[in-house]
Protein backbone atom coordinates (compact mmCIF):
# COMPACT_ATOMS: atom_id res chain seq x y z
CA MET A 1 58.48 50.10 -17.78
CA ILE A 2 55.73 50.98 -15.30
CA GLU A 3 53.34 48.64 -17.12
CA ASN A 4 55.61 45.69 -16.29
CA ILE A 5 55.87 46.79 -12.65
CA LEU A 6 52.08 47.00 -12.42
CA ASN A 7 51.64 43.66 -14.15
CA LYS A 8 53.91 41.85 -11.68
CA LYS A 9 52.33 43.51 -8.65
CA ILE A 10 48.81 42.70 -9.82
CA CYS A 11 49.84 39.04 -10.10
CA LEU A 12 51.02 39.21 -6.49
CA ALA A 13 47.79 40.95 -5.49
CA LEU A 14 45.67 38.18 -7.00
CA ASN A 15 47.76 35.60 -5.18
CA ASP A 16 47.59 37.42 -1.82
CA ILE A 17 43.92 38.39 -2.04
CA TYR A 18 42.37 35.39 -3.77
CA ASN A 19 45.09 32.75 -3.32
CA ILE A 20 45.41 32.15 -7.07
CA ASN A 21 48.28 32.15 -9.59
CA VAL A 22 47.46 33.65 -12.98
CA ASN A 23 49.26 33.93 -16.30
CA PRO A 24 50.58 37.52 -16.51
CA ASP A 25 49.44 37.65 -20.15
CA ILE A 26 45.78 37.92 -19.10
CA ILE A 27 46.43 41.15 -17.19
CA LEU A 28 45.74 44.09 -19.47
CA VAL A 29 47.28 47.43 -18.48
CA GLN A 30 46.71 50.35 -20.81
CA GLN A 31 46.90 54.12 -20.72
CA THR A 32 43.88 55.80 -19.15
CA ARG A 33 41.61 57.62 -21.57
CA VAL A 34 41.93 61.39 -21.35
CA GLU A 35 38.38 61.93 -20.13
CA PHE A 36 39.02 59.95 -16.94
CA GLU A 37 41.27 60.62 -13.98
CA GLY A 38 44.29 58.36 -13.93
CA ASP A 39 47.45 57.38 -15.77
CA TYR A 40 47.01 53.65 -16.34
CA THR A 41 43.89 51.51 -16.47
CA VAL A 42 43.59 47.85 -15.53
CA VAL A 43 40.85 45.91 -17.31
CA VAL A 44 39.53 43.60 -14.59
CA PHE A 45 36.93 41.61 -16.55
CA PRO A 46 39.34 38.74 -17.43
CA LEU A 47 40.04 38.40 -13.67
CA LEU A 48 36.46 37.86 -12.49
CA ARG A 49 36.65 34.08 -12.99
CA TYR A 50 39.37 34.07 -10.32
CA SER A 51 37.99 36.65 -7.87
CA LYS A 52 34.41 35.27 -8.02
CA LYS A 53 33.28 38.86 -7.45
CA ASN A 54 31.65 41.57 -9.54
CA PRO A 55 33.89 43.97 -11.55
CA GLU A 56 33.63 46.91 -9.12
CA ASP A 57 34.53 44.89 -6.04
CA THR A 58 37.40 43.15 -7.84
CA ALA A 59 38.79 46.50 -9.03
CA ASN A 60 38.52 47.99 -5.53
CA ASP A 61 40.31 44.98 -4.00
CA ILE A 62 43.22 45.30 -6.43
CA GLY A 63 43.30 49.11 -6.19
CA GLU A 64 43.51 49.07 -2.38
CA TYR A 65 46.27 46.45 -2.51
CA LEU A 66 48.34 48.46 -4.99
CA THR A 67 48.08 51.75 -3.06
CA LYS A 68 49.28 49.99 0.09
CA ASN A 69 52.02 47.87 -1.48
CA LEU A 70 53.37 49.83 -4.44
CA LYS A 71 54.90 53.25 -3.86
CA GLU A 72 54.42 54.18 -7.52
CA VAL A 73 50.61 54.09 -7.15
CA LYS A 74 49.27 57.20 -5.42
CA SER A 75 45.51 56.57 -5.68
CA PHE A 76 42.85 54.85 -7.74
CA ASN A 77 39.26 55.10 -8.88
CA VAL A 78 36.87 52.57 -10.35
CA ILE A 79 34.50 53.30 -13.21
CA LYS A 80 32.25 50.50 -14.48
CA GLY A 81 34.74 47.82 -13.61
CA PHE A 82 37.79 49.62 -14.96
CA LEU A 83 40.53 50.27 -12.40
CA ASN A 84 42.16 53.65 -13.06
CA LEU A 85 45.51 54.13 -11.31
CA VAL A 86 47.12 57.50 -10.54
CA ILE A 87 50.91 57.24 -10.55
CA ASP A 88 52.73 59.23 -7.88
CA ASP A 89 54.42 62.44 -9.09
CA ASN A 90 57.73 61.28 -7.63
CA PHE A 91 57.82 58.45 -10.18
CA TRP A 92 57.71 60.96 -13.06
CA ILE A 93 60.24 63.27 -11.37
CA ASP A 94 62.63 60.36 -10.83
CA PHE A 95 62.21 59.37 -14.48
CA PHE A 96 63.00 62.95 -15.53
CA ASN A 97 66.05 63.14 -13.27
CA LEU A 98 67.50 59.93 -14.74
CA ASN A 99 66.96 60.77 -18.40
CA PHE A 100 66.68 64.52 -19.10
CA ASN A 101 70.34 64.92 -20.11
CA ASN A 102 70.58 61.68 -22.12
CA ASP A 103 70.97 62.66 -25.77
CA ASN A 104 70.45 59.02 -26.79
CA PHE A 105 67.28 58.53 -24.76
CA GLY A 106 65.18 55.76 -26.33
CA ILE A 107 68.02 54.45 -28.53
CA LYS A 108 69.19 50.91 -27.82
CA PRO A 109 72.88 49.97 -28.23
CA GLN A 110 73.64 47.59 -31.07
CA GLU A 111 73.13 43.95 -30.17
CA LYS A 112 76.49 42.19 -29.92
CA SER A 113 77.17 39.50 -32.52
CA SER A 114 73.70 39.95 -33.97
CA LYS A 115 72.89 38.80 -37.48
CA PRO A 116 72.36 41.74 -39.81
CA VAL A 117 69.03 42.91 -41.11
CA VAL A 118 69.37 43.70 -44.82
CA VAL A 119 67.01 46.43 -46.01
CA GLU A 120 66.69 46.95 -49.76
CA TYR A 121 65.06 50.14 -50.98
CA SER A 122 65.05 52.46 -53.99
CA SER A 123 65.72 49.76 -56.66
CA PRO A 124 65.30 52.12 -59.62
CA ASN A 125 65.30 51.27 -63.31
CA THR A 126 67.91 53.05 -65.40
CA ASN A 127 65.42 53.95 -68.11
CA LYS A 128 63.95 56.91 -66.23
CA PRO A 129 64.65 59.40 -63.44
CA LEU A 130 63.38 58.99 -59.89
CA HIS A 131 59.83 60.21 -59.36
CA LEU A 132 57.39 60.77 -56.50
CA GLY A 133 56.74 57.05 -56.09
CA HIS A 134 60.48 56.47 -55.73
CA ILE A 135 60.60 59.22 -53.11
CA ARG A 136 58.14 57.34 -50.90
CA ASN A 137 60.16 54.17 -51.39
CA ASN A 138 63.46 55.85 -50.52
CA LEU A 139 62.14 57.75 -47.52
CA LEU A 140 60.38 54.69 -46.16
CA GLY A 141 63.36 52.38 -46.63
CA TYR A 142 65.86 54.82 -45.14
CA SER A 143 63.66 55.59 -42.13
CA VAL A 144 62.87 51.93 -41.42
CA ALA A 145 66.61 51.18 -41.52
CA GLU A 146 67.30 54.00 -39.02
CA ILE A 147 64.47 52.82 -36.75
CA LEU A 148 65.82 49.27 -36.78
CA LYS A 149 69.27 50.63 -35.88
CA ALA A 150 67.66 52.50 -32.98
CA ASN A 151 66.29 49.13 -31.84
CA GLY A 152 69.81 47.73 -31.63
CA LYS A 153 69.76 45.91 -34.97
CA ASN A 154 72.82 45.57 -37.17
CA VAL A 155 71.40 47.05 -40.37
CA VAL A 156 72.80 46.90 -43.90
CA LYS A 157 71.14 49.34 -46.33
CA VAL A 158 71.30 48.13 -49.93
CA ASN A 159 70.10 49.22 -53.32
CA LEU A 160 69.60 47.02 -56.38
CA VAL A 161 69.82 49.06 -59.57
CA ASN A 162 67.78 47.45 -62.34
CA ASN A 163 70.18 48.34 -65.14
CA ARG A 164 69.35 45.68 -67.73
CA GLY A 165 66.31 44.29 -69.48
CA ILE A 166 63.83 45.23 -72.15
CA HIS A 167 62.96 48.63 -70.64
CA ILE A 168 66.56 49.77 -70.69
CA CYS A 169 66.92 48.53 -74.27
CA LYS A 170 63.94 50.67 -75.28
CA SER A 171 65.68 53.84 -74.07
CA ILE A 172 68.96 52.85 -75.72
CA LEU A 173 67.27 52.02 -79.04
CA ALA A 174 65.36 55.32 -79.10
CA TRP A 175 68.55 57.30 -78.41
CA LYS A 176 70.39 55.36 -81.10
CA LYS A 177 67.66 56.12 -83.67
CA TRP A 178 66.76 59.70 -82.78
CA GLY A 179 69.32 61.00 -80.29
CA ASN A 180 71.73 62.71 -82.72
CA ASN A 181 74.53 61.86 -80.25
CA GLU A 182 73.27 64.32 -77.65
CA THR A 183 74.69 63.96 -74.14
CA PRO A 184 74.03 65.43 -70.70
CA GLU A 185 76.87 67.88 -71.35
CA SER A 186 75.58 68.99 -74.75
CA THR A 187 71.98 69.40 -73.54
CA GLY A 188 72.54 70.58 -69.97
CA MET A 189 70.15 67.85 -68.80
CA LYS A 190 70.76 65.48 -65.90
CA GLY A 191 71.69 62.08 -67.31
CA ASP A 192 68.68 60.28 -65.86
CA HIS A 193 66.36 62.92 -67.32
CA LEU A 194 67.94 62.61 -70.75
CA VAL A 195 67.60 58.81 -70.81
CA GLY A 196 64.03 59.06 -69.49
CA LYS A 197 63.19 61.37 -72.37
CA TYR A 198 64.07 58.59 -74.83
CA TYR A 199 62.08 56.01 -72.91
CA VAL A 200 58.99 58.19 -73.37
CA LEU A 201 59.91 58.76 -77.03
CA PHE A 202 60.16 54.99 -77.61
CA GLU A 203 56.66 54.47 -76.22
CA THR A 204 55.30 57.26 -78.40
CA LYS A 205 56.83 55.83 -81.58
CA TYR A 206 55.84 52.29 -80.57
CA LYS A 207 52.18 53.28 -80.13
CA GLU A 208 52.26 54.96 -83.55
CA GLU A 209 53.51 51.73 -85.12
CA VAL A 210 50.84 49.66 -83.39
CA LYS A 211 48.10 52.08 -84.44
CA LYS A 212 49.31 52.05 -88.06
CA MET A 213 49.51 48.24 -88.25
CA VAL A 214 45.97 47.93 -86.88
CA SER A 215 44.56 50.61 -89.19
CA GLU A 216 46.15 48.91 -92.23
CA GLY A 217 44.63 45.57 -91.21
CA ILE A 218 48.02 43.86 -90.82
CA PHE A 219 47.31 42.69 -87.24
CA ASN A 220 44.68 43.10 -84.59
CA GLU A 221 45.75 45.29 -81.65
CA GLU A 222 47.00 42.43 -79.46
CA GLU A 223 49.10 40.95 -82.28
CA ALA A 224 50.36 44.40 -83.32
CA LYS A 225 51.67 45.07 -79.82
CA LYS A 226 53.74 41.88 -80.00
CA ASN A 227 54.98 42.34 -83.57
CA ALA A 228 55.67 46.07 -83.84
CA PRO A 229 59.11 46.48 -85.46
CA LEU A 230 60.39 48.73 -82.65
CA LEU A 231 59.57 46.17 -79.97
CA LEU A 232 61.19 43.39 -82.00
CA GLU A 233 64.31 45.54 -82.37
CA ALA A 234 64.40 46.16 -78.61
CA GLN A 235 64.05 42.43 -77.95
CA GLU A 236 66.89 41.71 -80.38
CA MET A 237 69.01 44.33 -78.61
CA LEU A 238 68.41 42.54 -75.30
CA ARG A 239 69.55 39.25 -76.84
CA LYS A 240 72.67 40.97 -78.17
CA TRP A 241 73.32 42.47 -74.74
CA GLU A 242 73.19 39.05 -73.10
CA ALA A 243 75.51 37.79 -75.87
CA LYS A 244 77.95 40.64 -74.94
CA ASP A 245 77.70 42.37 -78.33
CA LYS A 246 80.31 45.16 -78.12
CA GLU A 247 78.26 47.92 -79.76
CA VAL A 248 75.26 47.29 -77.53
CA ILE A 249 77.41 46.96 -74.40
CA ASP A 250 79.21 50.23 -75.16
CA LEU A 251 75.92 52.10 -75.63
CA TRP A 252 74.48 50.50 -72.51
CA THR A 253 77.54 51.40 -70.43
CA MET A 254 77.55 55.02 -71.60
CA MET A 255 73.85 55.66 -71.00
CA ASN A 256 73.77 53.85 -67.66
CA ASP A 257 76.72 55.94 -66.46
CA TRP A 258 74.67 59.05 -67.26
CA VAL A 259 71.83 57.70 -65.17
CA TYR A 260 74.00 56.65 -62.20
CA LYS A 261 75.41 60.18 -61.93
CA GLY A 262 71.91 61.63 -62.10
CA PHE A 263 70.65 59.25 -59.40
CA ASP A 264 73.54 60.20 -57.11
CA VAL A 265 72.62 63.88 -57.32
CA THR A 266 69.02 63.09 -56.37
CA TYR A 267 70.01 60.72 -53.54
CA ASN A 268 72.41 63.26 -52.06
CA ARG A 269 69.82 66.00 -52.18
CA LEU A 270 67.22 63.74 -50.60
CA GLY A 271 69.64 62.71 -47.84
CA ILE A 272 69.53 59.03 -48.77
CA ASP A 273 72.50 56.66 -48.63
CA PHE A 274 73.33 52.97 -48.96
CA ASP A 275 75.95 50.65 -47.51
CA LYS A 276 76.13 48.69 -50.75
CA ILE A 277 74.77 49.01 -54.27
CA TYR A 278 74.08 45.91 -56.37
CA TYR A 279 73.51 45.94 -60.12
CA GLU A 280 71.15 43.58 -61.86
CA SER A 281 73.70 43.13 -64.65
CA ASP A 282 75.97 41.49 -62.07
CA THR A 283 73.34 39.37 -60.34
CA TYR A 284 70.99 38.08 -63.04
CA LEU A 285 73.40 35.29 -64.02
CA LEU A 286 73.29 34.00 -60.43
CA GLY A 287 69.56 33.63 -60.85
CA LYS A 288 70.01 31.76 -64.12
CA GLU A 289 72.44 29.37 -62.40
CA LEU A 290 69.93 28.77 -59.63
CA VAL A 291 67.18 28.11 -62.17
CA ASN A 292 69.33 25.71 -64.22
CA THR A 293 70.24 23.81 -61.03
CA GLY A 294 66.56 23.61 -60.14
CA LEU A 295 65.81 22.30 -63.63
CA LYS A 296 68.45 19.55 -63.29
CA ASN A 297 67.00 18.54 -59.93
CA ASN A 298 63.48 18.44 -61.40
CA PHE A 299 62.26 21.24 -59.10
CA LEU A 300 61.41 23.19 -62.28
CA PHE A 301 60.33 22.12 -65.76
CA GLN A 302 61.05 23.06 -69.36
CA LYS A 303 58.41 23.51 -72.06
CA PRO A 304 58.92 22.28 -75.65
CA ASP A 305 59.91 25.81 -76.79
CA GLY A 306 62.84 25.79 -74.35
CA SER A 307 61.39 28.18 -71.76
CA VAL A 308 61.80 27.25 -68.07
CA TRP A 309 58.94 27.44 -65.57
CA ALA A 310 58.06 26.84 -61.94
CA ASP A 311 54.83 24.94 -61.34
CA LEU A 312 53.14 26.52 -58.33
CA LYS A 313 49.69 25.00 -58.78
CA ASP A 314 50.18 22.92 -55.64
CA LYS A 315 50.47 26.25 -53.77
CA GLY A 316 47.24 27.59 -55.24
CA LEU A 317 48.99 29.68 -57.90
CA ASP A 318 49.81 29.16 -61.56
CA GLU A 319 52.96 28.46 -63.55
CA LYS A 320 55.69 31.12 -63.40
CA LEU A 321 58.11 31.87 -66.25
CA LEU A 322 61.79 31.98 -65.16
CA LEU A 323 63.69 31.83 -68.47
CA ARG A 324 62.27 32.82 -71.86
CA LYS A 325 62.50 30.48 -74.83
CA ASP A 326 65.50 32.47 -76.12
CA GLY A 327 67.27 31.91 -72.77
CA THR A 328 66.93 35.50 -71.51
CA SER A 329 65.89 35.99 -67.90
CA VAL A 330 62.96 37.85 -66.35
CA TYR A 331 62.82 40.05 -63.24
CA ILE A 332 62.09 37.24 -60.81
CA THR A 333 65.11 35.31 -62.09
CA GLN A 334 67.55 37.96 -60.96
CA ASP A 335 65.61 38.39 -57.69
CA LEU A 336 66.23 34.70 -56.99
CA GLY A 337 69.94 35.14 -57.59
CA THR A 338 70.21 38.36 -55.60
CA ALA A 339 68.37 36.86 -52.63
CA LYS A 340 70.71 33.85 -52.63
CA LEU A 341 73.74 36.13 -52.95
CA ARG A 342 72.67 38.22 -49.94
CA TYR A 343 71.87 35.16 -47.86
CA THR A 344 75.34 33.76 -48.57
CA GLU A 345 77.03 37.13 -48.09
CA TYR A 346 75.38 38.23 -44.84
CA ASN A 347 73.65 35.22 -43.23
CA PRO A 348 70.98 37.74 -42.24
CA GLU A 349 68.30 37.65 -39.61
CA LYS A 350 65.92 39.26 -42.11
CA LEU A 351 65.87 40.26 -45.78
CA ILE A 352 63.50 43.22 -46.07
CA TYR A 353 62.38 44.43 -49.49
CA VAL A 354 60.76 47.87 -49.60
CA VAL A 355 58.60 47.58 -52.70
CA GLY A 356 55.14 48.87 -53.63
CA ASN A 357 52.03 46.77 -53.08
CA GLU A 358 51.60 46.14 -56.81
CA GLN A 359 54.41 43.60 -56.34
CA ASN A 360 52.71 41.58 -53.56
CA TYR A 361 52.19 38.64 -55.92
CA HIS A 362 55.81 38.83 -57.11
CA PHE A 363 57.17 38.36 -53.59
CA ASP A 364 54.71 35.59 -52.78
CA VAL A 365 56.00 33.80 -55.86
CA LEU A 366 59.65 34.56 -55.03
CA LYS A 367 59.36 32.86 -51.64
CA LEU A 368 57.45 29.89 -53.05
CA ILE A 369 60.05 29.29 -55.78
CA LEU A 370 62.90 29.49 -53.26
CA GLU A 371 61.05 26.96 -51.11
CA LYS A 372 60.58 24.71 -54.16
CA LEU A 373 64.31 25.01 -54.88
CA GLY A 374 65.06 23.76 -51.37
CA GLU A 375 66.26 27.12 -50.03
CA ASN A 376 64.71 26.85 -46.56
CA TRP A 377 65.84 30.36 -45.59
CA PHE A 378 63.05 31.76 -47.79
CA GLN A 379 61.17 32.44 -44.54
CA ILE A 380 63.49 35.34 -43.63
CA ILE A 381 62.26 37.33 -46.65
CA HIS A 382 59.86 40.12 -45.71
CA HIS A 383 58.14 42.27 -48.31
CA LEU A 384 57.53 45.70 -46.77
CA SER A 385 54.59 46.47 -49.01
CA TYR A 386 53.53 50.09 -49.23
CA GLY A 387 50.69 51.92 -50.92
CA MET A 388 50.87 54.11 -53.97
CA VAL A 389 51.28 57.88 -53.96
CA GLU A 390 48.66 59.74 -55.93
CA LEU A 391 48.26 63.39 -56.78
CA PRO A 392 45.17 65.61 -56.80
CA HIS A 393 45.05 65.25 -60.61
CA GLY A 394 45.39 61.45 -60.71
CA LYS A 395 47.91 58.63 -61.08
CA MET A 396 51.37 58.94 -62.62
CA LYS A 397 52.41 57.06 -65.76
CA SER A 398 56.11 56.72 -66.60
CA ARG A 399 55.55 55.63 -70.20
CA GLU A 400 53.50 58.73 -70.92
CA GLY A 401 55.89 61.06 -69.15
CA THR A 402 53.21 62.16 -66.66
CA VAL A 403 55.21 61.38 -63.54
CA VAL A 404 56.15 63.94 -60.92
CA ASP A 405 59.90 64.08 -61.23
CA ALA A 406 61.72 63.89 -57.88
CA ASP A 407 64.10 66.74 -58.71
CA ASP A 408 61.30 69.00 -59.95
CA LEU A 409 59.27 68.25 -56.82
CA MET A 410 62.18 69.16 -54.53
CA ASP A 411 62.64 72.41 -56.49
CA GLU A 412 58.95 73.21 -56.04
CA MET A 413 59.09 72.41 -52.34
CA PHE A 414 62.15 74.65 -51.93
CA SER A 415 60.37 77.57 -53.63
CA THR A 416 57.27 77.10 -51.49
CA ALA A 417 59.35 76.91 -48.31
CA ARG A 418 61.13 80.14 -49.25
CA LYS A 419 57.87 81.95 -49.97
CA THR A 420 56.17 80.74 -46.76
CA THR A 421 59.19 81.50 -44.57
CA GLU A 422 59.73 84.97 -46.02
CA GLU A 423 56.07 85.82 -45.41
CA LEU A 424 56.63 85.16 -41.69
CA GLY A 425 59.40 87.79 -41.78
CA LYS A 426 61.54 86.29 -39.02
CA ILE A 427 64.81 85.70 -40.88
CA LYS A 428 65.53 89.14 -42.33
CA ASP A 429 68.99 89.11 -40.75
CA PHE A 430 69.91 85.75 -42.32
CA SER A 431 72.65 85.70 -44.95
CA GLU A 432 71.61 84.30 -48.34
CA GLU A 433 73.58 81.12 -47.61
CA LYS A 434 71.92 80.62 -44.21
CA ALA A 435 68.49 81.40 -45.66
CA ASN A 436 68.91 78.85 -48.46
CA GLU A 437 70.10 76.28 -45.93
CA LEU A 438 66.94 76.89 -43.90
CA TYR A 439 64.66 76.67 -46.96
CA ASN A 440 66.25 73.34 -47.85
CA ILE A 441 65.79 71.96 -44.32
CA VAL A 442 62.17 73.12 -44.16
CA SER A 443 61.26 71.93 -47.67
CA LEU A 444 62.75 68.47 -47.19
CA GLY A 445 61.23 68.25 -43.71
CA ALA A 446 57.82 69.06 -45.17
CA LEU A 447 58.16 66.50 -47.96
CA LYS A 448 59.51 63.69 -45.79
CA TYR A 449 57.13 64.16 -42.88
CA PHE A 450 54.03 64.44 -45.09
CA ILE A 451 54.89 61.10 -46.71
CA LEU A 452 56.13 59.24 -43.63
CA LYS A 453 53.27 60.21 -41.32
CA VAL A 454 50.98 57.97 -43.38
CA ASP A 455 50.84 54.26 -42.52
CA PRO A 456 53.05 52.57 -45.15
CA LYS A 457 50.30 50.11 -46.08
CA LYS A 458 47.91 52.89 -47.11
CA ASN A 459 47.69 54.68 -50.43
CA MET A 460 48.19 58.39 -50.00
CA MET A 461 47.44 61.67 -51.71
CA PHE A 462 50.39 64.05 -51.81
CA ASN A 463 49.62 67.77 -51.82
CA PRO A 464 52.78 69.94 -51.79
CA GLU A 465 50.97 73.05 -50.56
CA GLU A 466 49.42 71.25 -47.58
CA SER A 467 52.78 69.76 -46.58
CA ILE A 468 54.43 73.17 -46.04
CA ASP A 469 52.22 74.61 -43.33
CA PHE A 470 53.57 75.97 -40.08
CA ASN A 471 50.43 74.80 -38.29
CA GLY A 472 48.94 71.34 -38.03
CA ASN A 473 50.40 67.89 -38.51
CA THR A 474 53.33 68.90 -40.71
CA GLY A 475 57.11 68.78 -40.68
CA PRO A 476 57.52 72.59 -40.51
CA PHE A 477 55.23 72.78 -37.46
CA ILE A 478 57.45 70.31 -35.62
CA GLN A 479 60.63 72.01 -36.83
CA TYR A 480 59.27 75.39 -35.71
CA THR A 481 58.57 74.03 -32.23
CA TYR A 482 62.12 72.74 -31.97
CA ALA A 483 63.46 76.16 -33.00
CA ARG A 484 61.15 77.79 -30.44
CA ILE A 485 62.63 75.67 -27.66
CA GLN A 486 66.15 76.58 -28.82
CA SER A 487 65.17 80.23 -28.47
CA ILE A 488 63.95 79.56 -24.91
CA LEU A 489 67.21 77.80 -24.02
CA LYS A 490 69.21 80.69 -25.45
CA LYS A 491 67.25 83.22 -23.40
CA ALA A 492 67.59 81.06 -20.28
CA GLY A 493 71.37 81.33 -20.51
CA ASN A 494 72.98 79.86 -17.42
CA SER A 495 69.72 79.58 -15.52
CA ASN A 496 69.22 75.96 -16.52
CA ASN A 497 70.89 74.58 -13.40
CA ILE A 498 69.87 71.22 -11.99
CA PRO A 499 66.76 71.87 -9.90
CA ASP A 500 66.12 70.69 -6.36
CA TYR A 501 63.83 67.79 -7.10
CA ASP A 502 62.48 67.61 -3.57
CA GLY A 503 60.96 71.04 -4.09
CA ILE A 504 59.39 70.43 -7.50
CA LYS A 505 55.63 70.36 -7.85
CA ILE A 506 54.63 69.30 -11.33
CA ASN A 507 51.33 70.50 -12.78
CA LYS A 508 48.92 68.48 -14.90
CA LYS A 509 50.39 69.58 -18.24
CA GLU A 510 53.94 68.80 -17.10
CA LYS A 511 52.83 65.37 -16.01
CA GLU A 512 51.27 64.76 -19.42
CA LEU A 513 54.52 65.78 -21.11
CA LEU A 514 56.56 63.51 -18.83
CA LYS A 515 54.20 60.64 -19.59
CA LEU A 516 54.71 61.20 -23.31
CA LEU A 517 58.48 61.30 -22.90
CA TYR A 518 58.32 58.11 -20.86
CA GLN A 519 56.59 56.37 -23.77
CA PHE A 520 59.30 57.24 -26.31
CA PRO A 521 61.47 54.08 -25.96
CA GLU A 522 58.38 51.90 -26.40
CA VAL A 523 57.31 53.97 -29.42
CA ILE A 524 60.67 53.24 -31.09
CA THR A 525 60.29 49.55 -30.25
CA GLN A 526 56.79 49.42 -31.73
CA ALA A 527 57.85 51.32 -34.86
CA GLY A 528 60.59 48.72 -35.37
CA LYS A 529 58.19 45.81 -34.93
CA ASP A 530 55.72 47.31 -37.41
CA TYR A 531 58.33 48.71 -39.81
CA SER A 532 56.36 51.94 -39.58
CA PRO A 533 57.88 55.44 -39.47
CA ALA A 534 54.28 56.68 -39.10
CA THR A 535 54.41 55.50 -35.48
CA ILE A 536 57.32 57.88 -34.82
CA ALA A 537 55.75 60.71 -36.83
CA ASN A 538 52.42 60.59 -35.03
CA TYR A 539 54.14 60.35 -31.65
CA VAL A 540 56.34 63.40 -32.21
CA PHE A 541 53.37 65.41 -33.48
CA THR A 542 51.44 64.57 -30.29
CA LEU A 543 54.46 65.57 -28.18
CA VAL A 544 54.87 68.87 -30.04
CA LYS A 545 51.16 69.64 -29.92
CA ASN A 546 51.11 69.13 -26.14
CA TYR A 547 54.27 71.16 -25.66
CA ASN A 548 52.84 74.10 -27.60
CA LYS A 549 49.74 74.11 -25.38
CA TYR A 550 52.05 74.03 -22.38
CA TYR A 551 54.11 76.92 -23.81
CA GLN A 552 50.97 79.01 -24.37
CA GLU A 553 49.48 78.40 -20.92
CA VAL A 554 52.42 77.94 -18.53
CA PRO A 555 55.20 80.53 -18.04
CA ILE A 556 58.64 79.00 -18.50
CA LEU A 557 61.11 81.84 -18.01
CA LYS A 558 58.89 84.41 -16.32
CA VAL A 559 58.70 82.56 -13.01
CA ASP A 560 59.89 83.99 -9.69
CA ASP A 561 60.88 80.61 -8.30
CA ASN A 562 64.24 79.64 -9.84
CA ASN A 563 63.73 75.99 -9.00
CA THR A 564 60.52 75.85 -11.02
CA LYS A 565 62.10 77.84 -13.86
CA ASN A 566 65.11 75.52 -14.00
CA PHE A 567 62.86 72.46 -14.14
CA ARG A 568 60.73 73.91 -16.95
CA VAL A 569 63.77 74.89 -18.98
CA LEU A 570 65.27 71.42 -18.61
CA LEU A 571 61.92 69.81 -19.42
CA SER A 572 61.83 71.90 -22.61
CA GLU A 573 65.36 70.81 -23.46
CA PHE A 574 64.46 67.14 -22.87
CA ILE A 575 61.50 67.53 -25.22
CA ALA A 576 63.72 69.21 -27.84
CA ASN A 577 66.14 66.27 -27.70
CA VAL A 578 63.31 63.77 -28.23
CA ILE A 579 61.97 65.88 -31.11
CA LYS A 580 65.42 65.89 -32.69
CA THR A 581 65.84 62.13 -32.24
CA SER A 582 62.36 61.43 -33.63
CA MET A 583 62.91 63.57 -36.68
CA LYS A 584 66.37 62.06 -37.25
CA LEU A 585 64.73 58.62 -37.37
CA LEU A 586 62.54 60.04 -40.16
CA GLY A 587 65.61 61.41 -41.95
CA ILE A 588 64.62 65.01 -41.13
CA GLU A 589 66.86 67.80 -39.87
CA VAL A 590 65.66 70.36 -37.32
CA PRO A 591 66.88 73.98 -37.54
CA VAL A 592 68.06 75.94 -34.52
CA ARG A 593 66.25 79.02 -35.80
CA MET A 594 63.30 79.63 -38.11
């Protein structure tokens, strides 16, 4: 990278000019702000203690040295102690010549013999269908995994399906009481939607029981919530499940199978996949074993009622329940077992959990308990905490059935994409199959980009109408630009021959585009370090925005000089390849025509 070249040469300059050796880390090279002339700026203030001169004189000394001793530096200027360096055009042309036909530009080869990075995302409960919050989780997890792969990491994408516990028992119990043996086939409903319907019904009936018990003076509200007959039945069903009661297991197996099939349809439509799927019903016992071992070794303690706890007061937290008094496990119990299983199975470099920020405390506790149990690898666990997705009309609530269903949202996005595209009137010659394929690509591109362009740590407001806009910072705008370049390449035909680089004179806008392309490998690196697809999204939007200005102001095909035309066509193709790679890292397809 040019920054590294400059850094090393500035160290030599300080040695030659002032006879001093400095730590390269104190030399700050950054991109020049757009309002000033230059490509890279050196902040000289940390160097004044060595030069014993004022900022302007120090900057001039270094600038003159670099222009004489580094062919990449064409000229310089000094503004208030900041040294702005202009990089010679030949540097950018050489960069272009080396990389324009590299379809994998910016992508690092997989590190040999590297430990895997395990990325868990999705992790749905089988008592309800996937909703908008799950969409952010899935898109974020999938994209982070792809970005880590692009950084040379050996990535394993996993999903843990939470298919047991009190919430699942609530759905099963409601179906058993009021389902009249209806099935996905008899109702025409997706299996996950059908089961979710009974989860909502349970909560409705449960609230009615609580309200009645309070109104009749049997219990106060807090006591009624704990002693409502429906809840007690669900708790008994969970105990029977853990005891392998055949009737309960058969019901559980049937309804979970409905949900798995429904999830698969949604995952396939969303373009999400996994290398391995774990099920909580298979892993929770591993957690119980770990807890019982910890109890024997006095790392944990048991209360008189038989429940097992971890005392975390020495870590500034409270006591954490691991096994209930009836011996049934809680969520963190199976997370302990699953973490240990994955550590044993993969010996990973990192265990990344993509889970919403409402679980920050949970993962703090998970790591502390593993540490208390003597599992020193707890340090490789990383909680990729992300913000919630809200809608213009407020928060979603699964129990009340007010969530935005993932399937319904994708249907709505598809309809909006069709309407918006048809209004543009540019695909009248498309077959129905090709048109539907385009609507699907555009609708998913809009959905994914709108969500991924936001920093994962931030809460976000999702507005479907805003996301499908062919102007502005949206997926369709970027897709449209890619399709535009494909049209240019098609019109260029065989004219895109390799230009004579000695005769190329790049203009200011071309230089800006080349500088952006040059940054792409570092953008991928940074996105991997930050686990942030937003870094990729914001980069590709900037690239596309600059290219569109270039397209509007600089003729590409209507140029008399073939050498210039060939260069501009190949520059456009290079940009299209980087757009395609960027969008692929976000899990987004780009259409050849729109």
